[in-house]
């Protein structure tokens, strides 16, 4: 089921200009600072506050989860461990696949 959700998201963003394989830091952590959304005029089809001309995912709104919130694209798997954040008990720390509770999204 998780793989199916990830595939649905991946195919939805295929037409975007954002490189889905671009490495991201695994050291990001939630912040209590207010979210910063780029300002500027222009159309914004997905209503996330990032104008289409600067939004690599103009039809998929940013998810504003304190992780890469200024790029205009949702991040369904912040730590890129293959476990979607909705199912991940540690969404900003990648799972270590070692045969022990590999489906909770948390390192040992």
N, C-alpha and C. Protein backbone atom coordinates (compact mmCIF):
# COMPACT_ATOMS: atom_id res chain seq x y z
N UNK A 1 0.83 -1.20 0.00
CA UNK A 1 0.00 0.00 0.00
C UNK A 1 0.86 1.25 0.00
N UNK A 2 1.93 1.26 0.80
CA UNK A 2 2.81 2.43 0.84
C UNK A 2 3.46 2.67 -0.50
N UNK A 3 3.92 1.61 -1.13
CA UNK A 3 4.56 1.72 -2.43
C UNK A 3 3.56 2.27 -3.45
N UNK A 4 2.33 1.83 -3.36
CA UNK A 4 1.30 2.31 -4.29
C UNK A 4 1.08 3.80 -4.11
N UNK A 5 1.03 4.29 -2.87
CA UNK A 5 0.86 5.72 -2.63
C UNK A 5 2.04 6.51 -3.16
N UNK A 6 3.25 5.99 -2.94
CA UNK A 6 4.44 6.67 -3.42
C UNK A 6 4.45 6.71 -4.94
N UNK A 7 4.05 5.63 -5.59
CA UNK A 7 4.00 5.60 -7.05
C UNK A 7 2.97 6.59 -7.58
N UNK A 8 1.83 6.70 -6.92
CA UNK A 8 0.82 7.65 -7.35
C UNK A 8 1.37 9.06 -7.26
N UNK A 9 2.06 9.39 -6.17
CA UNK A 9 2.63 10.72 -6.02
C UNK A 9 3.71 10.95 -7.07
N UNK A 10 4.57 9.97 -7.27
CA UNK A 10 5.67 10.12 -8.22
C UNK A 10 5.16 10.36 -9.62
N UNK A 11 4.13 9.65 -10.03
CA UNK A 11 3.60 9.85 -11.38
C UNK A 11 2.89 11.18 -11.49
N UNK A 12 2.33 11.69 -10.41
CA UNK A 12 1.66 12.99 -10.44
C UNK A 12 2.65 14.12 -10.67
N UNK A 13 3.87 13.96 -10.24
CA UNK A 13 4.87 15.02 -10.38
C UNK A 13 5.83 14.79 -11.53
N UNK A 14 5.62 13.78 -12.35
CA UNK A 14 6.54 13.49 -13.45
C UNK A 14 6.71 14.70 -14.34
N UNK A 15 5.65 15.45 -14.56
CA UNK A 15 5.73 16.57 -15.48
C UNK A 15 6.41 17.79 -14.86
N UNK A 16 6.74 17.75 -13.59
CA UNK A 16 7.38 18.90 -12.97
C UNK A 16 8.84 18.96 -13.38
N UNK A 17 9.45 20.13 -13.13
CA UNK A 17 10.86 20.31 -13.47
C UNK A 17 11.76 19.95 -12.31
N UNK A 18 11.19 19.62 -11.17
CA UNK A 18 12.00 19.28 -10.00
C UNK A 18 12.60 17.88 -10.18
N UNK A 19 13.87 17.73 -9.90
CA UNK A 19 14.55 16.44 -10.01
C UNK A 19 14.18 15.61 -8.79
N UNK A 20 13.34 14.54 -8.94
CA UNK A 20 12.90 13.76 -7.77
C UNK A 20 14.02 12.95 -7.14
N UNK A 21 15.19 12.85 -7.77
CA UNK A 21 16.27 12.06 -7.22
C UNK A 21 17.33 12.95 -6.58
N UNK A 22 17.07 14.24 -6.57
CA UNK A 22 18.02 15.18 -6.01
C UNK A 22 18.24 14.88 -4.54
N UNK A 23 19.52 14.71 -4.10
CA UNK A 23 19.77 14.38 -2.70
C UNK A 23 19.36 15.52 -1.77
N UNK A 24 18.85 15.14 -0.62
CA UNK A 24 18.47 16.12 0.38
C UNK A 24 19.14 15.75 1.69
N UNK A 25 19.34 16.72 2.52
CA UNK A 25 19.97 16.47 3.81
C UNK A 25 19.02 15.70 4.71
N UNK A 26 19.55 14.73 5.43
CA UNK A 26 18.75 13.99 6.40
C UNK A 26 18.83 14.62 7.77
N UNK A 27 19.45 15.79 7.86
CA UNK A 27 19.61 16.44 9.15
C UNK A 27 18.53 17.46 9.43
N UNK A 28 17.59 17.62 8.52
CA UNK A 28 16.52 18.59 8.73
C UNK A 28 15.66 18.16 9.90
N UNK A 29 15.25 19.14 10.68
CA UNK A 29 14.37 18.84 11.80
C UNK A 29 13.30 19.91 11.87
N UNK A 30 12.15 19.57 12.40
CA UNK A 30 11.10 20.57 12.52
C UNK A 30 11.56 21.76 13.33
N UNK A 31 11.04 22.90 12.98
CA UNK A 31 11.41 24.14 13.64
C UNK A 31 10.17 24.80 14.18
N UNK A 32 10.33 25.59 15.22
CA UNK A 32 9.19 26.33 15.74
C UNK A 32 9.10 27.69 15.07
N UNK A 33 10.06 28.03 14.20
CA UNK A 33 10.04 29.31 13.49
C UNK A 33 8.87 29.32 12.52
N UNK A 34 8.32 30.51 12.26
CA UNK A 34 7.23 30.58 11.30
C UNK A 34 7.70 30.15 9.92
N UNK A 35 6.79 29.58 9.16
CA UNK A 35 7.11 29.15 7.82
C UNK A 35 7.33 30.36 6.93
N UNK A 36 8.30 30.26 6.04
CA UNK A 36 8.60 31.33 5.11
C UNK A 36 8.21 30.88 3.71
N UNK A 37 7.31 31.61 3.10
CA UNK A 37 6.88 31.31 1.75
C UNK A 37 7.38 32.41 0.86
N UNK A 38 8.02 32.07 -0.27
CA UNK A 38 8.51 33.10 -1.17
C UNK A 38 7.38 34.03 -1.58
N UNK A 39 7.67 35.31 -1.63
CA UNK A 39 6.64 36.27 -2.01
C UNK A 39 6.81 36.63 -3.47
N UNK A 40 5.85 37.29 -4.01
CA UNK A 40 5.92 37.71 -5.40
C UNK A 40 4.57 37.57 -6.05
N UNK A 41 4.39 38.26 -7.14
CA UNK A 41 3.13 38.22 -7.83
C UNK A 41 3.08 37.04 -8.78
N UNK A 42 2.01 37.00 -9.52
CA UNK A 42 1.87 35.95 -10.52
C UNK A 42 0.85 34.92 -10.14
N UNK A 43 0.48 34.13 -11.13
CA UNK A 43 -0.52 33.09 -10.92
C UNK A 43 0.04 32.00 -10.01
N UNK A 44 -0.87 31.37 -9.28
CA UNK A 44 -0.49 30.30 -8.34
C UNK A 44 -1.59 29.25 -8.39
N UNK A 45 -1.49 28.34 -9.37
CA UNK A 45 -2.56 27.35 -9.60
C UNK A 45 -2.85 26.48 -8.39
N UNK A 46 -1.81 26.08 -7.64
CA UNK A 46 -2.06 25.16 -6.53
C UNK A 46 -2.34 25.88 -5.21
N UNK A 47 -2.26 27.21 -5.21
CA UNK A 47 -2.63 27.99 -4.03
C UNK A 47 -1.69 27.86 -2.85
N UNK A 48 -0.42 27.48 -3.08
CA UNK A 48 0.51 27.32 -1.97
C UNK A 48 1.35 28.57 -1.68
N UNK A 49 1.11 29.64 -2.40
CA UNK A 49 1.84 30.88 -2.15
C UNK A 49 3.11 31.02 -2.97
N UNK A 50 3.46 30.02 -3.77
CA UNK A 50 4.63 30.08 -4.63
C UNK A 50 4.12 30.29 -6.06
N UNK A 51 4.45 31.44 -6.67
CA UNK A 51 3.96 31.70 -8.03
C UNK A 51 4.39 30.62 -9.02
N UNK A 52 3.54 30.33 -9.98
CA UNK A 52 3.81 29.27 -10.96
C UNK A 52 5.17 29.41 -11.62
N UNK A 53 5.61 30.64 -11.90
CA UNK A 53 6.88 30.81 -12.60
C UNK A 53 8.08 30.44 -11.75
N UNK A 54 7.89 30.26 -10.44
CA UNK A 54 8.98 29.81 -9.56
C UNK A 54 8.66 28.49 -8.86
N UNK A 55 7.54 27.88 -9.22
CA UNK A 55 7.06 26.65 -8.57
C UNK A 55 7.31 25.45 -9.47
N UNK A 56 8.26 24.55 -9.11
CA UNK A 56 8.51 23.38 -9.92
C UNK A 56 7.34 22.40 -9.95
N UNK A 57 6.40 22.54 -9.01
CA UNK A 57 5.22 21.67 -8.96
C UNK A 57 3.97 22.56 -8.90
N UNK A 58 3.66 23.29 -9.98
CA UNK A 58 2.57 24.27 -9.92
C UNK A 58 1.18 23.68 -9.73
N UNK A 59 1.03 22.37 -9.89
CA UNK A 59 -0.28 21.75 -9.69
C UNK A 59 -0.35 20.91 -8.41
N UNK A 60 0.75 20.86 -7.66
CA UNK A 60 0.82 20.10 -6.41
C UNK A 60 1.27 21.04 -5.30
N UNK A 61 0.39 21.41 -4.37
CA UNK A 61 0.75 22.39 -3.35
C UNK A 61 1.79 21.88 -2.36
N UNK A 62 2.62 22.79 -1.91
CA UNK A 62 3.59 22.51 -0.84
C UNK A 62 2.83 21.99 0.36
N UNK A 63 3.43 21.07 1.13
CA UNK A 63 2.73 20.47 2.27
C UNK A 63 3.01 21.18 3.60
N UNK A 64 3.90 22.15 3.64
CA UNK A 64 4.18 22.95 4.84
C UNK A 64 4.27 22.11 6.10
N UNK A 65 5.31 21.26 6.14
CA UNK A 65 5.53 20.39 7.29
C UNK A 65 6.89 20.67 7.96
N UNK A 66 7.38 21.90 7.78
CA UNK A 66 8.68 22.30 8.33
C UNK A 66 9.84 21.52 7.72
N UNK A 67 9.68 21.06 6.47
CA UNK A 67 10.75 20.37 5.75
C UNK A 67 10.70 20.84 4.30
N UNK A 68 11.73 21.54 3.87
CA UNK A 68 11.82 22.05 2.49
C UNK A 68 10.53 22.74 2.07
N UNK A 69 10.04 23.63 2.91
CA UNK A 69 8.76 24.28 2.67
C UNK A 69 8.83 25.45 1.70
N UNK A 70 10.00 25.80 1.22
CA UNK A 70 10.09 26.96 0.33
C UNK A 70 10.25 26.57 -1.13
N UNK A 71 10.17 25.28 -1.46
CA UNK A 71 10.38 24.87 -2.85
C UNK A 71 9.09 24.75 -3.65
N UNK A 72 7.94 24.85 -3.02
CA UNK A 72 6.67 24.80 -3.73
C UNK A 72 6.18 23.41 -4.04
N UNK A 73 6.90 22.37 -3.62
CA UNK A 73 6.50 21.00 -3.90
C UNK A 73 6.26 20.24 -2.60
N UNK A 74 5.26 19.34 -2.60
CA UNK A 74 5.05 18.52 -1.40
C UNK A 74 6.18 17.52 -1.25
N UNK A 75 6.44 17.14 -0.03
CA UNK A 75 7.50 16.17 0.29
C UNK A 75 6.84 15.01 1.03
N UNK A 76 6.36 14.00 0.31
CA UNK A 76 5.62 12.93 0.97
C UNK A 76 6.51 11.99 1.78
N UNK A 77 7.83 12.06 1.58
CA UNK A 77 8.77 11.19 2.31
C UNK A 77 10.01 12.02 2.63
N UNK A 78 9.91 12.83 3.67
CA UNK A 78 10.99 13.78 4.01
C UNK A 78 12.36 13.13 4.08
N UNK A 79 12.47 12.00 4.74
CA UNK A 79 13.79 11.39 4.94
C UNK A 79 14.18 10.43 3.82
N UNK A 80 13.30 10.28 2.83
CA UNK A 80 13.55 9.46 1.64
C UNK A 80 13.94 8.01 1.97
N UNK A 81 13.27 7.46 2.96
CA UNK A 81 13.55 6.07 3.32
C UNK A 81 12.55 5.09 2.72
N UNK A 82 11.64 5.59 1.89
CA UNK A 82 10.66 4.73 1.25
C UNK A 82 9.40 4.54 2.05
N UNK A 83 9.32 5.13 3.24
CA UNK A 83 8.13 5.05 4.08
C UNK A 83 7.52 6.44 4.11
N UNK A 84 6.32 6.57 3.54
CA UNK A 84 5.68 7.88 3.46
C UNK A 84 5.51 8.48 4.86
N UNK A 85 5.66 9.79 4.94
CA UNK A 85 5.57 10.48 6.23
C UNK A 85 4.27 10.17 6.97
N UNK A 86 3.19 9.98 6.24
CA UNK A 86 1.91 9.68 6.88
C UNK A 86 1.97 8.37 7.67
N UNK A 87 2.84 7.45 7.26
CA UNK A 87 3.00 6.16 7.94
C UNK A 87 4.29 6.07 8.74
N UNK A 88 5.13 7.09 8.68
CA UNK A 88 6.47 7.09 9.24
C UNK A 88 6.47 7.68 10.66
N UNK A 89 6.88 6.89 11.65
CA UNK A 89 6.92 7.37 13.03
C UNK A 89 8.06 8.37 13.25
N UNK A 90 9.05 8.37 12.36
CA UNK A 90 10.19 9.30 12.43
C UNK A 90 10.40 9.89 11.03
N UNK A 91 9.53 10.82 10.60
CA UNK A 91 9.56 11.28 9.22
C UNK A 91 10.82 12.03 8.80
N UNK A 92 11.62 12.49 9.75
CA UNK A 92 12.83 13.21 9.40
C UNK A 92 14.11 12.43 9.71
N UNK A 93 13.96 11.16 10.09
CA UNK A 93 15.10 10.28 10.33
C UNK A 93 14.89 9.01 9.51
N UNK A 94 15.81 8.69 8.60
CA UNK A 94 15.58 7.53 7.73
C UNK A 94 15.65 6.19 8.48
N UNK A 95 14.76 5.30 8.08
CA UNK A 95 14.75 3.93 8.59
C UNK A 95 16.05 3.24 8.19
N UNK A 96 16.55 2.40 9.05
CA UNK A 96 17.69 1.55 8.73
C UNK A 96 17.12 0.15 8.53
N UNK A 97 17.19 -0.33 7.30
CA UNK A 97 16.63 -1.64 6.98
C UNK A 97 17.59 -2.72 7.47
N UNK A 98 17.26 -3.26 8.64
CA UNK A 98 18.14 -4.25 9.27
C UNK A 98 17.37 -5.48 9.76
N UNK A 99 16.13 -5.62 9.30
CA UNK A 99 15.35 -6.78 9.69
C UNK A 99 14.63 -6.62 11.02
N UNK A 100 14.76 -5.47 11.66
CA UNK A 100 14.10 -5.22 12.94
C UNK A 100 13.18 -4.02 12.80
N UNK A 101 11.90 -4.22 12.91
CA UNK A 101 10.87 -3.17 12.78
C UNK A 101 11.19 -2.22 11.62
N UNK A 102 11.42 -2.78 10.44
CA UNK A 102 11.78 -1.98 9.28
C UNK A 102 10.61 -1.21 8.69
N UNK A 103 9.41 -1.38 9.23
CA UNK A 103 8.26 -0.67 8.66
C UNK A 103 7.78 0.50 9.51
N UNK A 104 8.51 0.84 10.60
CA UNK A 104 8.06 1.95 11.43
C UNK A 104 8.66 3.29 11.01
N UNK A 105 9.68 3.26 10.15
CA UNK A 105 10.29 4.49 9.67
C UNK A 105 11.35 5.08 10.58
N UNK A 106 11.68 4.39 11.65
CA UNK A 106 12.66 4.91 12.61
C UNK A 106 13.94 4.08 12.59
N UNK A 107 15.07 4.74 12.77
CA UNK A 107 16.31 3.98 12.89
C UNK A 107 16.31 3.22 14.22
N UNK A 108 17.15 2.19 14.33
CA UNK A 108 17.17 1.40 15.57
C UNK A 108 17.61 2.24 16.76
